[in-house]
PDB file of all heavy atoms in Angstrom:
ATOM      1  N   GLY A   1      18.311  19.634 -19.967  1.00  0.00           N
ATOM      2  CA  GLY A   1      19.552  19.522 -19.208  1.00  0.00           C
ATOM      3  C   GLY A   1      19.370  19.158 -17.745  1.00  0.00           C
ATOM      4  O   GLY A   1      20.336  19.144 -16.990  1.00  0.00           O
ATOM      5  N   ARG A   2      18.172  18.881 -17.330  1.00  0.00           N
ATOM      6  CA  ARG A   2      17.909  18.494 -15.936  1.00  0.00           C
ATOM      7  C   ARG A   2      17.359  17.068 -15.885  1.00  0.00           C
ATOM      8  O   ARG A   2      16.627  16.644 -16.764  1.00  0.00           O
ATOM      9  CB  ARG A   2      16.917  19.453 -15.284  1.00  0.00           C
ATOM     10  CG  ARG A   2      17.474  20.847 -15.162  1.00  0.00           C
ATOM     11  CD  ARG A   2      16.511  21.742 -14.455  1.00  0.00           C
ATOM     12  NE  ARG A   2      17.065  23.081 -14.390  1.00  0.00           N
ATOM     13  CZ  ARG A   2      17.434  23.666 -13.272  1.00  0.00           C
ATOM     14  NH1 ARG A   2      17.296  23.037 -12.127  1.00  0.00           N
ATOM     15  NH2 ARG A   2      17.928  24.879 -13.289  1.00  0.00           N
ATOM     16  N   ARG A   3      17.705  16.372 -14.831  1.00  0.00           N
ATOM     17  CA  ARG A   3      17.253  14.992 -14.665  1.00  0.00           C
ATOM     18  C   ARG A   3      15.836  14.979 -14.103  1.00  0.00           C
ATOM     19  O   ARG A   3      15.527  15.684 -13.144  1.00  0.00           O
ATOM     20  CB  ARG A   3      18.194  14.257 -13.706  1.00  0.00           C
ATOM     21  CG  ARG A   3      17.789  12.825 -13.487  1.00  0.00           C
ATOM     22  CD  ARG A   3      18.731  12.135 -12.551  1.00  0.00           C
ATOM     23  NE  ARG A   3      18.184  10.833 -12.185  1.00  0.00           N
ATOM     24  CZ  ARG A   3      18.893   9.755 -12.063  1.00  0.00           C
ATOM     25  NH1 ARG A   3      20.187   9.802 -12.268  1.00  0.00           N
ATOM     26  NH2 ARG A   3      18.340   8.622 -11.731  1.00  0.00           N
ATOM     27  N   VAL A   4      14.978  14.175 -14.726  1.00  0.00           N
ATOM     28  CA  VAL A   4      13.605  13.997 -14.261  1.00  0.00           C
ATOM     29  C   VAL A   4      13.415  12.523 -13.947  1.00  0.00           C
ATOM     30  O   VAL A   4      13.587  11.663 -14.813  1.00  0.00           O
ATOM     31  CB  VAL A   4      12.577  14.454 -15.327  1.00  0.00           C
ATOM     32  CG1 VAL A   4      11.160  14.215 -14.835  1.00  0.00           C
ATOM     33  CG2 VAL A   4      12.796  15.909 -15.688  1.00  0.00           C
ATOM     34  N   ASP A   5      13.078  12.227 -12.699  1.00  0.00           N
ATOM     35  CA  ASP A   5      12.813  10.858 -12.270  1.00  0.00           C
ATOM     36  C   ASP A   5      11.319  10.684 -12.038  1.00  0.00           C
ATOM     37  O   ASP A   5      10.654  11.565 -11.484  1.00  0.00           O
ATOM     38  CB  ASP A   5      13.553  10.531 -10.972  1.00  0.00           C
ATOM     39  CG  ASP A   5      15.053  10.372 -11.172  1.00  0.00           C
ATOM     40  OD1 ASP A   5      15.501  10.300 -12.330  1.00  0.00           O
ATOM     41  OD2 ASP A   5      15.783  10.309 -10.158  1.00  0.00           O
ATOM     42  N   ILE A   6      10.805   9.538 -12.453  1.00  0.00           N
ATOM     43  CA  ILE A   6       9.405   9.200 -12.246  1.00  0.00           C
ATOM     44  C   ILE A   6       9.352   8.116 -11.166  1.00  0.00           C
ATOM     45  O   ILE A   6       9.988   7.071 -11.300  1.00  0.00           O
ATOM     46  CB  ILE A   6       8.727   8.667 -13.528  1.00  0.00           C
ATOM     47  CG1 ILE A   6       8.946   9.613 -14.704  1.00  0.00           C
ATOM     48  CG2 ILE A   6       7.254   8.388 -13.281  1.00  0.00           C
ATOM     49  CD1 ILE A   6       8.295  10.953 -14.577  1.00  0.00           C
ATOM     50  N   TYR A   7       8.589   8.376 -10.116  1.00  0.00           N
ATOM     51  CA  TYR A   7       8.451   7.441  -9.000  1.00  0.00           C
ATOM     52  C   TYR A   7       7.021   6.919  -8.970  1.00  0.00           C
ATOM     53  O   TYR A   7       6.084   7.629  -9.310  1.00  0.00           O
ATOM     54  CB  TYR A   7       8.747   8.133  -7.671  1.00  0.00           C
ATOM     55  CG  TYR A   7      10.157   8.629  -7.545  1.00  0.00           C
ATOM     56  CD1 TYR A   7      10.497   9.923  -7.920  1.00  0.00           C
ATOM     57  CD2 TYR A   7      11.157   7.813  -7.040  1.00  0.00           C
ATOM     58  CE1 TYR A   7      11.797  10.382  -7.804  1.00  0.00           C
ATOM     59  CE2 TYR A   7      12.460   8.259  -6.914  1.00  0.00           C
ATOM     60  CZ  TYR A   7      12.773   9.549  -7.305  1.00  0.00           C
ATOM     61  OH  TYR A   7      14.057   9.997  -7.186  1.00  0.00           O
ATOM     62  N   GLU A   8       6.879   5.671  -8.567  1.00  0.00           N
ATOM     63  CA  GLU A   8       5.563   5.087  -8.342  1.00  0.00           C
ATOM     64  C   GLU A   8       5.422   4.790  -6.863  1.00  0.00           C
ATOM     65  O   GLU A   8       6.355   4.299  -6.229  1.00  0.00           O
ATOM     66  CB  GLU A   8       5.392   3.775  -9.120  1.00  0.00           C
ATOM     67  CG  GLU A   8       4.731   3.947 -10.439  1.00  0.00           C
ATOM     68  CD  GLU A   8       4.404   2.618 -11.110  1.00  0.00           C
ATOM     69  OE1 GLU A   8       4.560   1.550 -10.517  1.00  0.00           O
ATOM     70  OE2 GLU A   8       4.004   2.694 -12.265  1.00  0.00           O
ATOM     71  N   TYR A   9       4.242   5.093  -6.327  1.00  0.00           N
ATOM     72  CA  TYR A   9       3.955   4.770  -4.934  1.00  0.00           C
ATOM     73  C   TYR A   9       2.496   4.370  -4.829  1.00  0.00           C
ATOM     74  O   TYR A   9       1.718   4.562  -5.762  1.00  0.00           O
ATOM     75  CB  TYR A   9       4.296   5.947  -4.013  1.00  0.00           C
ATOM     76  CG  TYR A   9       3.501   7.201  -4.275  1.00  0.00           C
ATOM     77  CD1 TYR A   9       2.342   7.475  -3.547  1.00  0.00           C
ATOM     78  CD2 TYR A   9       3.894   8.111  -5.246  1.00  0.00           C
ATOM     79  CE1 TYR A   9       1.617   8.616  -3.783  1.00  0.00           C
ATOM     80  CE2 TYR A   9       3.172   9.249  -5.490  1.00  0.00           C
ATOM     81  CZ  TYR A   9       2.030   9.509  -4.753  1.00  0.00           C
ATOM     82  OH  TYR A   9       1.304  10.633  -4.988  1.00  0.00           O
ATOM     83  N   GLU A  10       2.137   3.793  -3.714  1.00  0.00           N
ATOM     84  CA  GLU A  10       0.779   3.291  -3.530  1.00  0.00           C
ATOM     85  C   GLU A  10       0.177   3.902  -2.284  1.00  0.00           C
ATOM     86  O   GLU A  10       0.840   4.022  -1.252  1.00  0.00           O
ATOM     87  CB  GLU A  10       0.816   1.760  -3.409  1.00  0.00           C
ATOM     88  CG  GLU A  10      -0.526   1.108  -3.458  1.00  0.00           C
ATOM     89  CD  GLU A  10      -0.433  -0.412  -3.539  1.00  0.00           C
ATOM     90  OE1 GLU A  10       0.611  -0.970  -3.181  1.00  0.00           O
ATOM     91  OE2 GLU A  10      -1.418  -1.014  -3.953  1.00  0.00           O
ATOM     92  N   ILE A  11      -1.093   4.288  -2.395  1.00  0.00           N
ATOM     93  CA  ILE A  11      -1.810   4.797  -1.236  1.00  0.00           C
ATOM     94  C   ILE A  11      -3.026   3.902  -0.984  1.00  0.00           C
ATOM     95  O   ILE A  11      -3.524   3.255  -1.905  1.00  0.00           O
ATOM     96  CB  ILE A  11      -2.251   6.261  -1.419  1.00  0.00           C
ATOM     97  CG1 ILE A  11      -3.166   6.416  -2.629  1.00  0.00           C
ATOM     98  CG2 ILE A  11      -1.049   7.180  -1.541  1.00  0.00           C
ATOM     99  CD1 ILE A  11      -3.784   7.801  -2.754  1.00  0.00           C
ATOM    100  N   GLY A  12      -3.461   3.841   0.258  1.00  0.00           N
ATOM    101  CA  GLY A  12      -4.659   3.073   0.596  1.00  0.00           C
ATOM    102  C   GLY A  12      -4.439   1.587   0.760  1.00  0.00           C
ATOM    103  O   GLY A  12      -5.397   0.819   0.713  1.00  0.00           O
ATOM    104  N   ASN A  13      -3.198   1.138   0.967  1.00  0.00           N
ATOM    105  CA  ASN A  13      -2.943  -0.295   1.134  1.00  0.00           C
ATOM    106  C   ASN A  13      -1.954  -0.540   2.277  1.00  0.00           C
ATOM    107  O   ASN A  13      -1.038  -1.345   2.140  1.00  0.00           O
ATOM    108  CB  ASN A  13      -2.418  -0.907  -0.166  1.00  0.00           C
ATOM    109  CG  ASN A  13      -2.385  -2.416  -0.123  1.00  0.00           C
ATOM    110  OD1 ASN A  13      -3.092  -3.038   0.658  1.00  0.00           O
ATOM    111  ND2 ASN A  13      -1.555  -3.030  -0.936  1.00  0.00           N
ATOM    112  N   GLU A  14      -2.143   0.150   3.369  1.00  0.00           N
ATOM    113  CA  GLU A  14      -1.262  -0.060   4.517  1.00  0.00           C
ATOM    114  C   GLU A  14      -1.584  -1.401   5.165  1.00  0.00           C
ATOM    115  O   GLU A  14      -2.720  -1.878   5.105  1.00  0.00           O
ATOM    116  CB  GLU A  14      -1.430   1.072   5.526  1.00  0.00           C
ATOM    117  CG  GLU A  14      -0.871   2.382   5.008  1.00  0.00           C
ATOM    118  CD  GLU A  14      -0.623   3.382   6.116  1.00  0.00           C
ATOM    119  OE1 GLU A  14      -0.552   2.975   7.288  1.00  0.00           O
ATOM    120  OE2 GLU A  14      -0.503   4.562   5.796  1.00  0.00           O
ATOM    121  N   PRO A  15      -0.587  -2.037   5.798  1.00  0.00           N
ATOM    122  CA  PRO A  15      -0.858  -3.290   6.503  1.00  0.00           C
ATOM    123  C   PRO A  15      -1.939  -3.082   7.555  1.00  0.00           C
ATOM    124  O   PRO A  15      -1.959  -2.063   8.238  1.00  0.00           O
ATOM    125  CB  PRO A  15       0.481  -3.624   7.165  1.00  0.00           C
ATOM    126  CG  PRO A  15       1.501  -2.869   6.399  1.00  0.00           C
ATOM    127  CD  PRO A  15       0.811  -1.637   5.888  1.00  0.00           C
ATOM    128  N   SER A  16      -2.860  -4.032   7.680  1.00  0.00           N
ATOM    129  CA  SER A  16      -3.975  -3.893   8.604  1.00  0.00           C
ATOM    130  C   SER A  16      -4.245  -5.204   9.326  1.00  0.00           C
ATOM    131  O   SER A  16      -4.692  -6.181   8.718  1.00  0.00           O
ATOM    132  CB  SER A  16      -5.232  -3.457   7.844  1.00  0.00           C
ATOM    133  OG  SER A  16      -6.362  -3.490   8.687  1.00  0.00           O
ATOM    134  N   ALA A  17      -3.999  -5.198  10.623  1.00  0.00           N
ATOM    135  CA  ALA A  17      -4.302  -6.386  11.437  1.00  0.00           C
ATOM    136  C   ALA A  17      -5.807  -6.613  11.487  1.00  0.00           C
ATOM    137  O   ALA A  17      -6.272  -7.758  11.498  1.00  0.00           O
ATOM    138  CB  ALA A  17      -3.732  -6.220  12.840  1.00  0.00           C
ATOM    139  N   GLY A  18      -6.584  -5.548  11.497  1.00  0.00           N
ATOM    140  CA  GLY A  18      -8.047  -5.670  11.540  1.00  0.00           C
ATOM    141  C   GLY A  18      -8.595  -6.380  10.325  1.00  0.00           C
ATOM    142  O   GLY A  18      -9.443  -7.271  10.444  1.00  0.00           O
ATOM    143  N   ARG A  19      -8.120  -5.982   9.137  1.00  0.00           N
ATOM    144  CA  ARG A  19      -8.562  -6.667   7.912  1.00  0.00           C
ATOM    145  C   ARG A  19      -8.118  -8.111   7.911  1.00  0.00           C
ATOM    146  O   ARG A  19      -8.866  -9.003   7.506  1.00  0.00           O
ATOM    147  CB  ARG A  19      -8.006  -5.960   6.666  1.00  0.00           C
ATOM    148  CG  ARG A  19      -8.714  -4.698   6.298  1.00  0.00           C
ATOM    149  CD  ARG A  19      -8.422  -4.191   4.887  1.00  0.00           C
ATOM    150  NE  ARG A  19      -7.187  -4.581   4.268  1.00  0.00           N
ATOM    151  CZ  ARG A  19      -6.128  -3.797   4.108  1.00  0.00           C
ATOM    152  NH1 ARG A  19      -6.137  -2.566   4.563  1.00  0.00           N
ATOM    153  NH2 ARG A  19      -5.048  -4.235   3.500  1.00  0.00           N
ATOM    154  N   ALA A  20      -6.892  -8.369   8.383  1.00  0.00           N
ATOM    155  CA  ALA A  20      -6.373  -9.740   8.399  1.00  0.00           C
ATOM    156  C   ALA A  20      -7.209 -10.620   9.336  1.00  0.00           C
ATOM    157  O   ALA A  20      -7.544 -11.759   8.986  1.00  0.00           O
ATOM    158  CB  ALA A  20      -4.915  -9.742   8.833  1.00  0.00           C
ATOM    159  N   ILE A  21      -7.548 -10.096  10.514  1.00  0.00           N
ATOM    160  CA  ILE A  21      -8.378 -10.862  11.452  1.00  0.00           C
ATOM    161  C   ILE A  21      -9.747 -11.129  10.848  1.00  0.00           C
ATOM    162  O   ILE A  21     -10.279 -12.245  10.935  1.00  0.00           O
ATOM    163  CB  ILE A  21      -8.493 -10.120  12.801  1.00  0.00           C
ATOM    164  CG1 ILE A  21      -7.138 -10.153  13.516  1.00  0.00           C
ATOM    165  CG2 ILE A  21      -9.587 -10.731  13.677  1.00  0.00           C
ATOM    166  CD1 ILE A  21      -7.057  -9.246  14.735  1.00  0.00           C
ATOM    167  N   GLY A  22     -10.322 -10.116  10.201  1.00  0.00           N
ATOM    168  CA  GLY A  22     -11.634 -10.304   9.560  1.00  0.00           C
ATOM    169  C   GLY A  22     -11.589 -11.386   8.500  1.00  0.00           C
ATOM    170  O   GLY A  22     -12.476 -12.246   8.434  1.00  0.00           O
ATOM    171  N   HIS A  23     -10.549 -11.374   7.659  1.00  0.00           N
ATOM    172  CA  HIS A  23     -10.417 -12.411   6.628  1.00  0.00           C
ATOM    173  C   HIS A  23     -10.206 -13.782   7.276  1.00  0.00           C
ATOM    174  O   HIS A  23     -10.770 -14.779   6.818  1.00  0.00           O
ATOM    175  CB  HIS A  23      -9.243 -12.104   5.691  1.00  0.00           C
ATOM    176  CG  HIS A  23      -9.499 -10.984   4.743  1.00  0.00           C
ATOM    177  ND1 HIS A  23     -10.512 -11.000   3.816  1.00  0.00           N
ATOM    178  CD2 HIS A  23      -8.865  -9.797   4.572  1.00  0.00           C
ATOM    179  CE1 HIS A  23     -10.486  -9.879   3.109  1.00  0.00           C
ATOM    180  NE2 HIS A  23      -9.493  -9.131   3.556  1.00  0.00           N
ATOM    181  N   GLY A  24      -9.412 -13.834   8.332  1.00  0.00           N
ATOM    182  CA  GLY A  24      -9.167 -15.114   9.014  1.00  0.00           C
ATOM    183  C   GLY A  24     -10.440 -15.697   9.599  1.00  0.00           C
ATOM    184  O   GLY A  24     -10.702 -16.902   9.487  1.00  0.00           O
ATOM    185  N   VAL A  25     -11.247 -14.854  10.235  1.00  0.00           N
ATOM    186  CA  VAL A  25     -12.519 -15.316  10.816  1.00  0.00           C
ATOM    187  C   VAL A  25     -13.440 -15.824   9.714  1.00  0.00           C
ATOM    188  O   VAL A  25     -14.062 -16.892   9.848  1.00  0.00           O
ATOM    189  CB  VAL A  25     -13.181 -14.177  11.629  1.00  0.00           C
ATOM    190  CG1 VAL A  25     -14.618 -14.515  11.990  1.00  0.00           C
ATOM    191  CG2 VAL A  25     -12.373 -13.876  12.885  1.00  0.00           C
ATOM    192  N   MET A  26     -13.520 -15.071   8.621  1.00  0.00           N
ATOM    193  CA  MET A  26     -14.377 -15.515   7.515  1.00  0.00           C
ATOM    194  C   MET A  26     -13.863 -16.816   6.902  1.00  0.00           C
ATOM    195  O   MET A  26     -14.667 -17.673   6.511  1.00  0.00           O
ATOM    196  CB  MET A  26     -14.467 -14.422   6.445  1.00  0.00           C
ATOM    197  CG  MET A  26     -15.252 -13.203   6.884  1.00  0.00           C
ATOM    198  SD  MET A  26     -16.956 -13.593   7.356  1.00  0.00           S
ATOM    199  CE  MET A  26     -17.626 -14.091   5.793  1.00  0.00           C
TER     200      MET A  26
END
């Protein structure tokens, strides 16, 4: 008799200027 919701989320993938610069240089 109770509602159960399933949520999906992601960890470890925040936007990163440092990674982007590294990929750009490479």
